[in-house]
Amino acid sequence: MKIAKSCPLWFAACLAAAFGAYAQPPAQSPPPRQAVQPAPAGPVPAPPRPFAEPYVLPGLPTVPLQPLLDRVARAAKKQFLVDGRVSPEIYLGGARQEDVTYPLLLSILRLNDLAAVELEGRINVVRAFEVRFYATPIVQNDDDSIAADEWITRVLTTTNIDAAGLVPILRPLLPQAAHLAAMPPSRIIVMDRYANVQRITAIVKSLDQPGAGRRDQ
């Protein structure tokens, strides 16, 4: 009889335990992980440098560039535009400021790894390695009025020798900033200072003789 009386109590305890388990709040799931942003493709570009380092060797005497350009502009009646990345100091190479003419100024710019290109009546002073991106004048015939250090472009035509074969011969004779390319079979484009373009022209004419490129039988 004691066991029978205790059965309802045991059954009630089991029901209470079961309902207690269902009444417990569900376990909280962990917060979602934030998505990782993918790294940008390619190298991260370096911040632009507002000014170029001076090209002249340390210890060489320099003078401000702008007053020199102003003096030449008044004498030659020219207007100068200076690229903002050009060094404000320049090495004269032993010349005196009062003796600097426009042709001499072009030579001084060459000593400082700079170049001058005339566009729409204004002389743009830029770093030499950028001059190939400017519209230098195309000069097919020699002209004594062109300064030796003025940048020009010329198209040469060969008749007896393949133009492409001349490129590896002529390229070492040009500075790094110059441009030389061949359009086979007979065209060569050269962009450099006028004096060196004249030299390249003379070499091409000398090599482009009847029978050039042929072996003697």
N, C-alpha and C. Protein backbone atom coordinates (compact mmCIF):
# COMPACT_ATOMS: atom_id res chain seq x y z
N MET A 1 0.83 -1.19 0.00
CA MET A 1 0.00 0.00 0.00
C MET A 1 0.86 1.24 0.00
N LYS A 2 1.97 1.24 0.66
CA LYS A 2 2.84 2.42 0.66
C LYS A 2 3.39 2.71 -0.71
N ILE A 3 3.69 1.58 -1.45
CA ILE A 3 4.21 1.78 -2.80
C ILE A 3 3.15 2.37 -3.68
N ALA A 4 1.89 1.93 -3.56
CA ALA A 4 0.80 2.46 -4.38
C ALA A 4 0.57 3.92 -4.10
N LYS A 5 0.64 4.31 -2.78
CA LYS A 5 0.44 5.72 -2.45
C LYS A 5 1.56 6.59 -2.98
N SER A 6 2.76 6.06 -3.09
CA SER A 6 3.89 6.88 -3.54
C SER A 6 3.97 7.01 -5.05
N CYS A 7 3.22 6.15 -5.80
CA CYS A 7 3.28 6.23 -7.27
C CYS A 7 2.79 7.55 -7.81
N PRO A 8 1.63 8.06 -7.33
CA PRO A 8 1.23 9.40 -7.86
C PRO A 8 2.25 10.48 -7.59
N LEU A 9 2.86 10.42 -6.41
CA LEU A 9 3.87 11.44 -6.10
C LEU A 9 5.06 11.33 -7.04
N TRP A 10 5.47 10.09 -7.33
CA TRP A 10 6.63 9.87 -8.23
C TRP A 10 6.30 10.32 -9.64
N PHE A 11 5.06 10.05 -10.09
CA PHE A 11 4.64 10.45 -11.44
C PHE A 11 4.58 11.97 -11.56
N ALA A 12 4.10 12.64 -10.50
CA ALA A 12 4.02 14.11 -10.51
C ALA A 12 5.41 14.73 -10.55
N ALA A 13 6.35 14.08 -9.84
CA ALA A 13 7.72 14.61 -9.86
C ALA A 13 8.34 14.49 -11.24
N CYS A 14 8.05 13.40 -11.94
CA CYS A 14 8.59 13.22 -13.30
C CYS A 14 8.03 14.25 -14.25
N LEU A 15 6.70 14.51 -14.14
CA LEU A 15 6.09 15.53 -15.01
C LEU A 15 6.67 16.91 -14.75
N ALA A 16 6.89 17.23 -13.47
CA ALA A 16 7.45 18.54 -13.14
C ALA A 16 8.85 18.70 -13.72
N ALA A 17 9.64 17.62 -13.65
CA ALA A 17 11.00 17.69 -14.20
C ALA A 17 10.98 17.87 -15.70
N ALA A 18 10.02 17.16 -16.36
CA ALA A 18 9.94 17.26 -17.82
C ALA A 18 9.52 18.65 -18.25
N PHE A 19 8.48 19.20 -17.62
CA PHE A 19 8.04 20.56 -17.97
C PHE A 19 9.09 21.60 -17.63
N GLY A 20 9.86 21.36 -16.57
CA GLY A 20 10.93 22.31 -16.22
C GLY A 20 11.99 22.38 -17.29
N ALA A 21 12.29 21.22 -17.88
CA ALA A 21 13.31 21.21 -18.95
C ALA A 21 12.84 21.98 -20.16
N TYR A 22 11.55 21.86 -20.53
CA TYR A 22 11.02 22.61 -21.68
C TYR A 22 10.90 24.09 -21.39
N ALA A 23 10.72 24.42 -20.13
CA ALA A 23 10.54 25.84 -19.78
C ALA A 23 11.83 26.62 -19.77
N GLN A 24 13.00 25.95 -19.77
CA GLN A 24 14.27 26.67 -19.76
C GLN A 24 14.46 27.44 -21.07
N PRO A 25 14.98 28.64 -21.01
CA PRO A 25 15.21 29.42 -22.25
C PRO A 25 16.23 28.74 -23.14
N PRO A 26 16.04 28.83 -24.46
CA PRO A 26 17.01 28.18 -25.37
C PRO A 26 18.39 28.82 -25.27
N ALA A 27 19.37 28.01 -25.51
CA ALA A 27 20.75 28.52 -25.44
C ALA A 27 20.98 29.54 -26.57
N GLN A 28 21.59 30.66 -26.23
CA GLN A 28 21.86 31.70 -27.20
C GLN A 28 22.99 31.28 -28.13
N SER A 29 22.74 31.47 -29.43
CA SER A 29 23.78 31.16 -30.42
C SER A 29 24.84 32.25 -30.42
N PRO A 30 26.09 31.93 -30.73
CA PRO A 30 27.16 32.96 -30.75
C PRO A 30 26.90 34.01 -31.82
N PRO A 31 27.29 35.24 -31.58
CA PRO A 31 27.06 36.31 -32.57
C PRO A 31 27.74 35.98 -33.89
N PRO A 32 27.09 36.36 -35.00
CA PRO A 32 27.69 36.05 -36.31
C PRO A 32 29.02 36.77 -36.50
N ARG A 33 29.93 36.06 -37.14
CA ARG A 33 31.25 36.65 -37.40
C ARG A 33 31.16 37.62 -38.57
N GLN A 34 31.81 38.74 -38.39
CA GLN A 34 31.83 39.73 -39.44
C GLN A 34 32.65 39.23 -40.63
N ALA A 35 32.12 39.51 -41.81
CA ALA A 35 32.82 39.08 -43.03
C ALA A 35 34.14 39.84 -43.18
N VAL A 36 35.18 39.14 -43.52
CA VAL A 36 36.49 39.75 -43.72
C VAL A 36 36.54 40.39 -45.10
N GLN A 37 36.85 41.67 -45.13
CA GLN A 37 36.94 42.37 -46.41
C GLN A 37 38.14 41.85 -47.20
N PRO A 38 37.94 41.52 -48.47
CA PRO A 38 39.08 41.02 -49.27
C PRO A 38 40.10 42.12 -49.49
N ALA A 39 41.36 41.70 -49.56
CA ALA A 39 42.43 42.67 -49.80
C ALA A 39 42.33 43.20 -51.22
N PRO A 40 42.63 44.48 -51.45
CA PRO A 40 42.56 45.03 -52.80
C PRO A 40 43.52 44.32 -53.74
N ALA A 41 43.06 44.11 -54.96
CA ALA A 41 43.89 43.43 -55.96
C ALA A 41 45.02 44.33 -56.41
N GLY A 42 46.19 43.75 -56.60
CA GLY A 42 47.32 44.51 -57.08
C GLY A 42 48.03 45.25 -55.97
N PRO A 43 49.19 45.80 -56.25
CA PRO A 43 49.95 46.54 -55.23
C PRO A 43 49.28 47.85 -54.88
N VAL A 44 49.44 48.25 -53.63
CA VAL A 44 48.89 49.53 -53.18
C VAL A 44 49.76 50.65 -53.72
N PRO A 45 49.17 51.60 -54.48
CA PRO A 45 50.01 52.66 -55.06
C PRO A 45 50.60 53.56 -53.99
N ALA A 46 51.82 53.94 -54.21
CA ALA A 46 52.50 54.84 -53.28
C ALA A 46 51.96 56.25 -53.43
N PRO A 47 51.94 57.03 -52.36
CA PRO A 47 51.45 58.41 -52.47
C PRO A 47 52.33 59.22 -53.41
N PRO A 48 51.71 60.12 -54.18
CA PRO A 48 52.50 60.89 -55.15
C PRO A 48 53.51 61.80 -54.47
N ARG A 49 54.65 61.95 -55.11
CA ARG A 49 55.69 62.84 -54.60
C ARG A 49 55.53 64.21 -55.25
N PRO A 50 55.33 65.24 -54.45
CA PRO A 50 55.07 66.55 -55.06
C PRO A 50 56.25 67.13 -55.80
N PHE A 51 57.46 66.81 -55.40
CA PHE A 51 58.63 67.39 -56.04
C PHE A 51 59.66 66.30 -56.30
N ALA A 52 60.39 66.49 -57.38
CA ALA A 52 61.46 65.54 -57.70
C ALA A 52 62.73 65.92 -56.94
N GLU A 53 63.52 64.93 -56.64
CA GLU A 53 64.81 65.19 -56.01
C GLU A 53 65.72 65.92 -57.00
N PRO A 54 66.54 66.84 -56.53
CA PRO A 54 67.46 67.52 -57.45
C PRO A 54 68.34 66.52 -58.18
N TYR A 55 68.54 66.76 -59.48
CA TYR A 55 69.34 65.84 -60.28
C TYR A 55 70.83 66.07 -60.08
N VAL A 56 71.22 67.30 -59.76
CA VAL A 56 72.63 67.63 -59.68
C VAL A 56 73.27 66.91 -58.51
N LEU A 57 74.55 66.64 -58.65
CA LEU A 57 75.28 65.95 -57.60
C LEU A 57 75.45 66.86 -56.39
N PRO A 58 75.45 66.29 -55.19
CA PRO A 58 75.64 67.10 -53.99
C PRO A 58 76.98 67.83 -54.03
N GLY A 59 76.96 69.06 -53.59
CA GLY A 59 78.17 69.86 -53.54
C GLY A 59 78.35 70.80 -54.72
N LEU A 60 77.63 70.58 -55.82
CA LEU A 60 77.74 71.47 -56.96
C LEU A 60 76.95 72.76 -56.70
N PRO A 61 77.47 73.89 -57.14
CA PRO A 61 76.76 75.15 -56.90
C PRO A 61 75.50 75.22 -57.76
N THR A 62 74.41 75.65 -57.18
CA THR A 62 73.15 75.79 -57.88
C THR A 62 72.60 77.20 -57.72
N VAL A 63 71.69 77.56 -58.60
CA VAL A 63 71.01 78.85 -58.54
C VAL A 63 69.52 78.60 -58.69
N PRO A 64 68.67 79.52 -58.24
CA PRO A 64 67.23 79.36 -58.43
C PRO A 64 66.88 79.35 -59.92
N LEU A 65 66.00 78.45 -60.31
CA LEU A 65 65.63 78.31 -61.71
C LEU A 65 64.74 79.44 -62.20
N GLN A 66 63.76 79.83 -61.42
CA GLN A 66 62.76 80.78 -61.90
C GLN A 66 63.35 82.14 -62.29
N PRO A 67 64.25 82.75 -61.49
CA PRO A 67 64.84 84.02 -61.94
C PRO A 67 65.61 83.89 -63.24
N LEU A 68 66.26 82.74 -63.46
CA LEU A 68 66.98 82.52 -64.70
C LEU A 68 66.01 82.46 -65.88
N LEU A 69 64.89 81.77 -65.70
CA LEU A 69 63.89 81.70 -66.77
C LEU A 69 63.28 83.08 -67.04
N ASP A 70 63.08 83.84 -66.01
CA ASP A 70 62.53 85.19 -66.21
C ASP A 70 63.47 86.06 -67.03
N ARG A 71 64.77 85.95 -66.79
CA ARG A 71 65.75 86.75 -67.54
C ARG A 71 65.76 86.33 -69.01
N VAL A 72 65.76 85.01 -69.26
CA VAL A 72 65.77 84.53 -70.64
C VAL A 72 64.45 84.86 -71.33
N ALA A 73 63.35 84.80 -70.61
CA ALA A 73 62.04 85.11 -71.20
C ALA A 73 61.99 86.54 -71.70
N ARG A 74 62.55 87.46 -70.93
CA ARG A 74 62.54 88.87 -71.37
C ARG A 74 63.43 89.07 -72.59
N ALA A 75 64.59 88.41 -72.60
CA ALA A 75 65.53 88.60 -73.71
C ALA A 75 65.06 87.92 -74.98
N ALA A 76 64.49 86.72 -74.86
CA ALA A 76 64.09 85.94 -76.04
C ALA A 76 62.62 86.10 -76.38
N LYS A 77 61.89 86.87 -75.55
CA LYS A 77 60.45 87.07 -75.76
C LYS A 77 59.72 85.73 -75.81
N LYS A 78 59.95 84.93 -74.79
CA LYS A 78 59.30 83.64 -74.68
C LYS A 78 58.62 83.52 -73.32
N GLN A 79 57.65 82.64 -73.25
CA GLN A 79 56.94 82.38 -72.01
C GLN A 79 57.21 80.95 -71.56
N PHE A 80 57.57 80.79 -70.29
CA PHE A 80 57.94 79.48 -69.77
C PHE A 80 56.85 78.96 -68.82
N LEU A 81 56.60 77.68 -68.93
CA LEU A 81 55.75 76.96 -67.99
C LEU A 81 56.59 75.84 -67.39
N VAL A 82 56.72 75.82 -66.07
CA VAL A 82 57.59 74.86 -65.39
C VAL A 82 56.73 73.80 -64.71
N ASP A 83 57.02 72.55 -64.99
CA ASP A 83 56.35 71.45 -64.32
C ASP A 83 56.60 71.53 -62.82
N GLY A 84 55.54 71.31 -62.02
CA GLY A 84 55.67 71.44 -60.57
C GLY A 84 56.59 70.44 -59.93
N ARG A 85 56.97 69.38 -60.65
CA ARG A 85 57.86 68.37 -60.10
C ARG A 85 59.33 68.63 -60.42
N VAL A 86 59.59 69.73 -61.13
CA VAL A 86 60.97 70.10 -61.46
C VAL A 86 61.61 70.76 -60.24
N SER A 87 62.86 70.41 -59.98
CA SER A 87 63.57 71.00 -58.85
C SER A 87 63.71 72.50 -59.03
N PRO A 88 63.49 73.29 -57.98
CA PRO A 88 63.59 74.74 -58.10
C PRO A 88 65.03 75.25 -58.20
N GLU A 89 66.02 74.37 -58.00
CA GLU A 89 67.42 74.75 -58.10
C GLU A 89 68.03 74.09 -59.33
N ILE A 90 68.97 74.77 -59.96
CA ILE A 90 69.56 74.27 -61.19
C ILE A 90 71.06 74.53 -61.19
N TYR A 91 71.80 73.63 -61.82
CA TYR A 91 73.25 73.75 -61.92
C TYR A 91 73.59 74.39 -63.27
N LEU A 92 74.39 75.45 -63.24
CA LEU A 92 74.69 76.20 -64.47
C LEU A 92 75.84 75.60 -65.27
N GLY A 93 76.57 74.68 -64.71
CA GLY A 93 77.67 74.07 -65.46
C GLY A 93 78.83 75.01 -65.74
N GLY A 94 79.00 76.04 -64.95
CA GLY A 94 80.10 76.99 -65.15
C GLY A 94 79.71 78.25 -65.91
N ALA A 95 78.49 78.29 -66.48
CA ALA A 95 78.05 79.49 -67.20
C ALA A 95 77.63 80.57 -66.21
N ARG A 96 77.73 81.82 -66.65
CA ARG A 96 77.28 82.93 -65.82
C ARG A 96 75.82 83.23 -66.15
N GLN A 97 75.06 83.59 -65.14
CA GLN A 97 73.64 83.82 -65.33
C GLN A 97 73.38 84.92 -66.36
N GLU A 98 74.20 85.96 -66.35
CA GLU A 98 73.97 87.08 -67.27
C GLU A 98 74.30 86.71 -68.71
N ASP A 99 74.99 85.61 -68.94
CA ASP A 99 75.36 85.20 -70.30
C ASP A 99 74.43 84.14 -70.88
N VAL A 100 73.42 83.73 -70.13
CA VAL A 100 72.57 82.62 -70.57
C VAL A 100 71.57 83.12 -71.61
N THR A 101 71.67 82.57 -72.82
CA THR A 101 70.70 82.81 -73.88
C THR A 101 69.76 81.60 -73.95
N TYR A 102 68.78 81.67 -74.85
CA TYR A 102 67.85 80.54 -74.95
C TYR A 102 68.54 79.25 -75.39
N PRO A 103 69.39 79.25 -76.43
CA PRO A 103 70.10 78.01 -76.77
C PRO A 103 70.98 77.49 -75.63
N LEU A 104 71.64 78.42 -74.93
CA LEU A 104 72.46 77.98 -73.81
C LEU A 104 71.59 77.45 -72.68
N LEU A 105 70.42 78.03 -72.48
CA LEU A 105 69.51 77.53 -71.46
C LEU A 105 69.11 76.08 -71.74
N LEU A 106 68.88 75.75 -73.01
CA LEU A 106 68.53 74.37 -73.35
C LEU A 106 69.67 73.42 -72.99
N SER A 107 70.90 73.85 -73.21
CA SER A 107 72.04 73.01 -72.84
C SER A 107 72.15 72.86 -71.32
N ILE A 108 71.87 73.92 -70.60
CA ILE A 108 71.90 73.85 -69.14
C ILE A 108 70.80 72.91 -68.63
N LEU A 109 69.64 72.97 -69.24
CA LEU A 109 68.58 72.05 -68.85
C LEU A 109 69.00 70.60 -69.08
N ARG A 110 69.72 70.36 -70.19
CA ARG A 110 70.21 69.00 -70.45
C ARG A 110 71.15 68.54 -69.34
N LEU A 111 72.01 69.43 -68.85
CA LEU A 111 72.93 69.06 -67.78
C LEU A 111 72.18 68.67 -66.51
N ASN A 112 70.98 69.20 -66.35
CA ASN A 112 70.19 68.93 -65.16
C ASN A 112 69.10 67.88 -65.40
N ASP A 113 69.24 67.15 -66.50
CA ASP A 113 68.28 66.10 -66.86
C ASP A 113 66.87 66.66 -67.03
N LEU A 114 66.79 67.84 -67.63
CA LEU A 114 65.52 68.50 -67.93
C LEU A 114 65.42 68.73 -69.43
N ALA A 115 64.25 69.08 -69.88
CA ALA A 115 64.02 69.33 -71.30
C ALA A 115 63.01 70.44 -71.45
N ALA A 116 63.00 71.07 -72.63
CA ALA A 116 62.06 72.13 -72.93
C ALA A 116 61.36 71.81 -74.24
N VAL A 117 60.04 71.90 -74.24
CA VAL A 117 59.23 71.63 -75.42
C VAL A 117 58.28 72.80 -75.63
N GLU A 118 58.26 73.34 -76.84
CA GLU A 118 57.38 74.47 -77.14
C GLU A 118 56.03 73.97 -77.63
N LEU A 119 54.97 74.38 -76.94
CA LEU A 119 53.60 74.04 -77.30
C LEU A 119 52.76 75.30 -77.26
N GLU A 120 52.13 75.62 -78.40
CA GLU A 120 51.26 76.79 -78.51
C GLU A 120 51.97 78.06 -78.05
N GLY A 121 53.22 78.19 -78.42
CA GLY A 121 53.97 79.40 -78.12
C GLY A 121 54.54 79.48 -76.72
N ARG A 122 54.36 78.45 -75.92
CA ARG A 122 54.88 78.44 -74.55
C ARG A 122 55.91 77.32 -74.41
N ILE A 123 56.98 77.61 -73.69
CA ILE A 123 58.06 76.64 -73.48
C ILE A 123 57.78 75.88 -72.19
N ASN A 124 57.54 74.58 -72.32
CA ASN A 124 57.27 73.73 -71.16
C ASN A 124 58.58 73.10 -70.68
N VAL A 125 58.95 73.38 -69.46
CA VAL A 125 60.15 72.80 -68.86
C VAL A 125 59.71 71.59 -68.04
N VAL A 126 60.19 70.41 -68.46
CA VAL A 126 59.76 69.16 -67.83
C VAL A 126 60.99 68.30 -67.57
N ARG A 127 60.78 67.23 -66.83
CA ARG A 127 61.85 66.26 -66.63
C ARG A 127 62.09 65.50 -67.93
N ALA A 128 63.34 65.20 -68.21
CA ALA A 128 63.71 64.68 -69.53
C ALA A 128 62.99 63.38 -69.86
N PHE A 129 62.78 62.51 -68.88
CA PHE A 129 62.18 61.21 -69.20
C PHE A 129 60.70 61.34 -69.56
N GLU A 130 60.11 62.53 -69.40
CA GLU A 130 58.71 62.74 -69.77
C GLU A 130 58.56 63.43 -71.12
N VAL A 131 59.66 63.81 -71.75
CA VAL A 131 59.57 64.62 -72.96
C VAL A 131 58.97 63.82 -74.11
N ARG A 132 59.09 62.51 -74.11
CA ARG A 132 58.57 61.70 -75.22
C ARG A 132 57.05 61.73 -75.27
N PHE A 133 56.40 62.18 -74.19
CA PHE A 133 54.95 62.25 -74.18
C PHE A 133 54.43 63.60 -74.71
N TYR A 134 55.34 64.48 -75.09
CA TYR A 134 54.95 65.79 -75.59
C TYR A 134 55.09 65.82 -77.12
N ALA A 135 54.32 66.69 -77.73
CA ALA A 135 54.30 66.78 -79.20
C ALA A 135 55.50 67.61 -79.67
N THR A 136 56.65 66.97 -79.74
CA THR A 136 57.83 67.66 -80.27
C THR A 136 57.66 67.87 -81.77
N PRO A 137 58.21 68.94 -82.33
CA PRO A 137 58.03 69.21 -83.76
C PRO A 137 58.69 68.14 -84.64
N ILE A 138 58.04 67.81 -85.73
CA ILE A 138 58.60 66.86 -86.70
C ILE A 138 59.42 67.65 -87.72
N VAL A 139 60.71 67.40 -87.73
CA VAL A 139 61.65 68.14 -88.58
C VAL A 139 62.31 67.14 -89.52
N GLN A 140 61.98 67.20 -90.79
CA GLN A 140 62.52 66.27 -91.77
C GLN A 140 63.80 66.78 -92.44
N ASN A 141 63.98 68.08 -92.47
CA ASN A 141 65.15 68.69 -93.11
C ASN A 141 65.92 69.50 -92.08
N ASP A 142 67.23 69.58 -92.27
CA ASP A 142 68.07 70.34 -91.36
C ASP A 142 67.73 71.83 -91.43
N ASP A 143 67.81 72.47 -90.29
CA ASP A 143 67.47 73.89 -90.17
C ASP A 143 68.45 74.53 -89.19
N ASP A 144 69.21 75.48 -89.65
CA ASP A 144 70.22 76.13 -88.79
C ASP A 144 69.60 76.94 -87.67
N SER A 145 68.32 77.27 -87.78
CA SER A 145 67.68 78.07 -86.73
C SER A 145 67.29 77.23 -85.51
N ILE A 146 67.38 75.91 -85.62
CA ILE A 146 67.02 75.02 -84.50
C ILE A 146 68.23 74.84 -83.60
N ALA A 147 68.03 75.04 -82.31
CA ALA A 147 69.13 74.88 -81.35
C ALA A 147 69.53 73.42 -81.24
N ALA A 148 70.80 73.19 -80.94
CA ALA A 148 71.32 71.83 -80.89
C ALA A 148 70.63 70.98 -79.83
N ASP A 149 70.19 71.58 -78.73
CA ASP A 149 69.57 70.82 -77.64
C ASP A 149 68.05 70.91 -77.65
N GLU A 150 67.48 71.31 -78.76
CA GLU A 150 66.02 71.33 -78.87
C GLU A 150 65.52 69.95 -79.27
N TRP A 151 64.46 69.49 -78.64
CA TRP A 151 63.92 68.16 -78.90
C TRP A 151 63.06 68.18 -80.16
N ILE A 152 63.30 67.22 -81.07
CA ILE A 152 62.54 67.11 -82.30
C ILE A 152 62.26 65.63 -82.59
N THR A 153 61.42 65.40 -83.58
CA THR A 153 61.12 64.05 -84.06
C THR A 153 61.40 64.02 -85.56
N ARG A 154 61.94 62.89 -86.05
CA ARG A 154 62.22 62.74 -87.47
C ARG A 154 61.92 61.30 -87.90
N VAL A 155 61.38 61.16 -89.10
CA VAL A 155 61.11 59.85 -89.70
C VAL A 155 62.12 59.63 -90.81
N LEU A 156 62.92 58.59 -90.67
CA LEU A 156 63.94 58.25 -91.66
C LEU A 156 63.46 57.09 -92.52
N THR A 157 63.85 57.10 -93.78
CA THR A 157 63.47 56.06 -94.73
C THR A 157 64.72 55.43 -95.33
N THR A 158 64.78 54.11 -95.31
CA THR A 158 65.90 53.39 -95.91
C THR A 158 65.46 52.74 -97.22
N THR A 159 66.41 52.51 -98.09
CA THR A 159 66.11 51.89 -99.39
C THR A 159 66.89 50.61 -99.62
N ASN A 160 68.02 50.43 -98.97
CA ASN A 160 68.88 49.28 -99.24
C ASN A 160 69.11 48.38 -98.02
N ILE A 161 68.59 48.77 -96.89
CA ILE A 161 68.83 47.99 -95.67
C ILE A 161 67.55 47.95 -94.87
N ASP A 162 67.34 46.86 -94.16
CA ASP A 162 66.13 46.71 -93.34
C ASP A 162 66.20 47.63 -92.13
N ALA A 163 65.14 48.40 -91.92
CA ALA A 163 65.14 49.38 -90.84
C ALA A 163 65.23 48.72 -89.47
N ALA A 164 64.57 47.58 -89.29
CA ALA A 164 64.58 46.91 -87.98
C ALA A 164 65.99 46.50 -87.57
N GLY A 165 66.83 46.17 -88.54
CA GLY A 165 68.19 45.78 -88.21
C GLY A 165 69.05 46.92 -87.71
N LEU A 166 68.62 48.16 -87.94
CA LEU A 166 69.38 49.32 -87.47
C LEU A 166 69.09 49.68 -86.02
N VAL A 167 67.96 49.25 -85.49
CA VAL A 167 67.57 49.66 -84.14
C VAL A 167 68.59 49.23 -83.09
N PRO A 168 69.01 47.98 -83.03
CA PRO A 168 70.01 47.61 -82.00
C PRO A 168 71.36 48.28 -82.21
N ILE A 169 71.64 48.75 -83.43
CA ILE A 169 72.89 49.45 -83.68
C ILE A 169 72.82 50.90 -83.21
N LEU A 170 71.67 51.53 -83.40
CA LEU A 170 71.53 52.96 -83.12
C LEU A 170 71.09 53.25 -81.68
N ARG A 171 70.36 52.33 -81.07
CA ARG A 171 69.78 52.64 -79.75
C ARG A 171 70.83 52.99 -78.71
N PRO A 172 72.00 52.34 -78.66
CA PRO A 172 73.00 52.74 -77.66
C PRO A 172 73.53 54.16 -77.86
N LEU A 173 73.30 54.76 -79.01
CA LEU A 173 73.78 56.11 -79.28
C LEU A 173 72.81 57.17 -78.80
N LEU A 174 71.67 56.78 -78.25
CA LEU A 174 70.66 57.72 -77.80
C LEU A 174 70.55 57.67 -76.28
N PRO A 175 70.22 58.79 -75.66
CA PRO A 175 70.00 58.76 -74.20
C PRO A 175 68.73 57.99 -73.87
N GLN A 176 68.58 57.68 -72.60
CA GLN A 176 67.44 56.89 -72.17
C GLN A 176 66.12 57.58 -72.45
N ALA A 177 66.09 58.91 -72.37
CA ALA A 177 64.84 59.64 -72.57
C ALA A 177 64.42 59.69 -74.03
N ALA A 178 65.33 59.42 -74.96
CA ALA A 178 65.02 59.50 -76.39
C ALA A 178 64.20 58.29 -76.81
N HIS A 179 63.69 58.36 -78.04
CA HIS A 179 62.86 57.28 -78.57
C HIS A 179 63.37 56.87 -79.94
N LEU A 180 63.41 55.55 -80.16
CA LEU A 180 63.83 55.02 -81.45
C LEU A 180 63.03 53.75 -81.71
N ALA A 181 62.39 53.69 -82.88
CA ALA A 181 61.59 52.52 -83.24
C ALA A 181 61.60 52.38 -84.75
N ALA A 182 61.41 51.14 -85.21
CA ALA A 182 61.40 50.85 -86.64
C ALA A 182 60.03 50.34 -87.04
N MET A 183 59.62 50.71 -88.24
CA MET A 183 58.42 50.15 -88.86
C MET A 183 58.89 49.46 -90.14
N PRO A 184 59.13 48.16 -90.03
CA PRO A 184 59.67 47.43 -91.19
C PRO A 184 58.77 47.60 -92.42
N PRO A 185 59.37 47.61 -93.60
CA PRO A 185 60.79 47.30 -93.80
C PRO A 185 61.71 48.50 -93.87
N SER A 186 61.18 49.74 -93.91
CA SER A 186 62.06 50.83 -94.32
C SER A 186 61.87 52.14 -93.55
N ARG A 187 61.16 52.15 -92.44
CA ARG A 187 60.94 53.40 -91.71
C ARG A 187 61.53 53.32 -90.31
N ILE A 188 62.11 54.43 -89.88
CA ILE A 188 62.66 54.57 -88.53
C ILE A 188 62.16 55.89 -87.95
N ILE A 189 61.65 55.83 -86.75
CA ILE A 189 61.23 57.03 -86.03
C ILE A 189 62.24 57.29 -84.92
N VAL A 190 62.77 58.49 -84.90
CA VAL A 190 63.73 58.87 -83.86
C VAL A 190 63.29 60.20 -83.26
N MET A 191 63.31 60.26 -81.95
CA MET A 191 63.01 61.50 -81.23
C MET A 191 64.13 61.73 -80.23
N ASP A 192 64.80 62.86 -80.38
CA ASP A 192 65.95 63.17 -79.53
C ASP A 192 66.25 64.66 -79.70
N ARG A 193 67.31 65.10 -79.09
CA ARG A 193 67.77 66.47 -79.31
C ARG A 193 68.28 66.61 -80.75
N TYR A 194 68.12 67.80 -81.28
CA TYR A 194 68.34 68.03 -82.71
C TYR A 194 69.74 67.59 -83.15
N ALA A 195 70.76 67.91 -82.37
CA ALA A 195 72.12 67.56 -82.77
C ALA A 195 72.29 66.05 -82.88
N ASN A 196 71.70 65.29 -81.98
CA ASN A 196 71.84 63.85 -82.05
C ASN A 196 70.98 63.26 -83.16
N VAL A 197 69.84 63.86 -83.46
CA VAL A 197 69.04 63.39 -84.58
C VAL A 197 69.82 63.58 -85.89
N GLN A 198 70.55 64.68 -86.00
CA GLN A 198 71.40 64.87 -87.19
C GLN A 198 72.46 63.78 -87.28
N ARG A 199 73.05 63.41 -86.16
CA ARG A 199 74.06 62.36 -86.17
C ARG A 199 73.46 61.02 -86.58
N ILE A 200 72.29 60.69 -86.03
CA ILE A 200 71.63 59.43 -86.39
C ILE A 200 71.28 59.42 -87.88
N THR A 201 70.82 60.57 -88.39
CA THR A 201 70.49 60.67 -89.81
C THR A 201 71.71 60.40 -90.68
N ALA A 202 72.85 60.98 -90.30
CA ALA A 202 74.07 60.77 -91.07
C ALA A 202 74.51 59.32 -91.03
N ILE A 203 74.38 58.66 -89.89
CA ILE A 203 74.77 57.26 -89.78
C ILE A 203 73.88 56.38 -90.66
N VAL A 204 72.57 56.64 -90.61
CA VAL A 204 71.65 55.84 -91.42
C VAL A 204 71.94 56.01 -92.90
N LYS A 205 72.21 57.22 -93.33
CA LYS A 205 72.52 57.45 -94.74
C LYS A 205 73.81 56.74 -95.14
N SER A 206 74.77 56.74 -94.23
CA SER A 206 76.03 56.08 -94.53
C SER A 206 75.87 54.56 -94.64
N LEU A 207 75.03 53.99 -93.79
CA LEU A 207 74.81 52.55 -93.82
C LEU A 207 73.88 52.13 -94.96
N ASP A 208 73.02 53.03 -95.34
CA ASP A 208 72.02 52.69 -96.36
C ASP A 208 72.57 52.97 -97.76
N GLN A 209 73.63 52.30 -98.09
CA GLN A 209 74.25 52.44 -99.41
C GLN A 209 73.91 51.23 -100.27
N PRO A 210 73.99 51.36 -101.59
CA PRO A 210 73.73 50.20 -102.45
C PRO A 210 74.63 49.03 -102.08
N GLY A 211 74.01 47.88 -101.91
CA GLY A 211 74.75 46.69 -101.52
C GLY A 211 74.91 46.53 -100.04
N ALA A 212 74.36 47.49 -99.23
CA ALA A 212 74.49 47.37 -97.78
C ALA A 212 73.69 46.16 -97.29
N GLY A 213 74.24 45.49 -96.34
CA GLY A 213 73.56 44.32 -95.76
C GLY A 213 73.76 43.06 -96.58
N ARG A 214 74.49 43.13 -97.69
CA ARG A 214 74.73 41.93 -98.49
C ARG A 214 76.18 41.48 -98.33
N ARG A 215 76.36 40.22 -98.30
CA ARG A 215 77.70 39.66 -98.21
C ARG A 215 78.31 39.57 -99.60
N ASP A 216 79.59 39.87 -99.64
CA ASP A 216 80.28 39.76 -100.93
C ASP A 216 80.34 38.29 -101.36
N GLN A 217 80.05 38.07 -102.61
CA GLN A 217 80.09 36.72 -103.17
C GLN A 217 81.53 36.26 -103.33
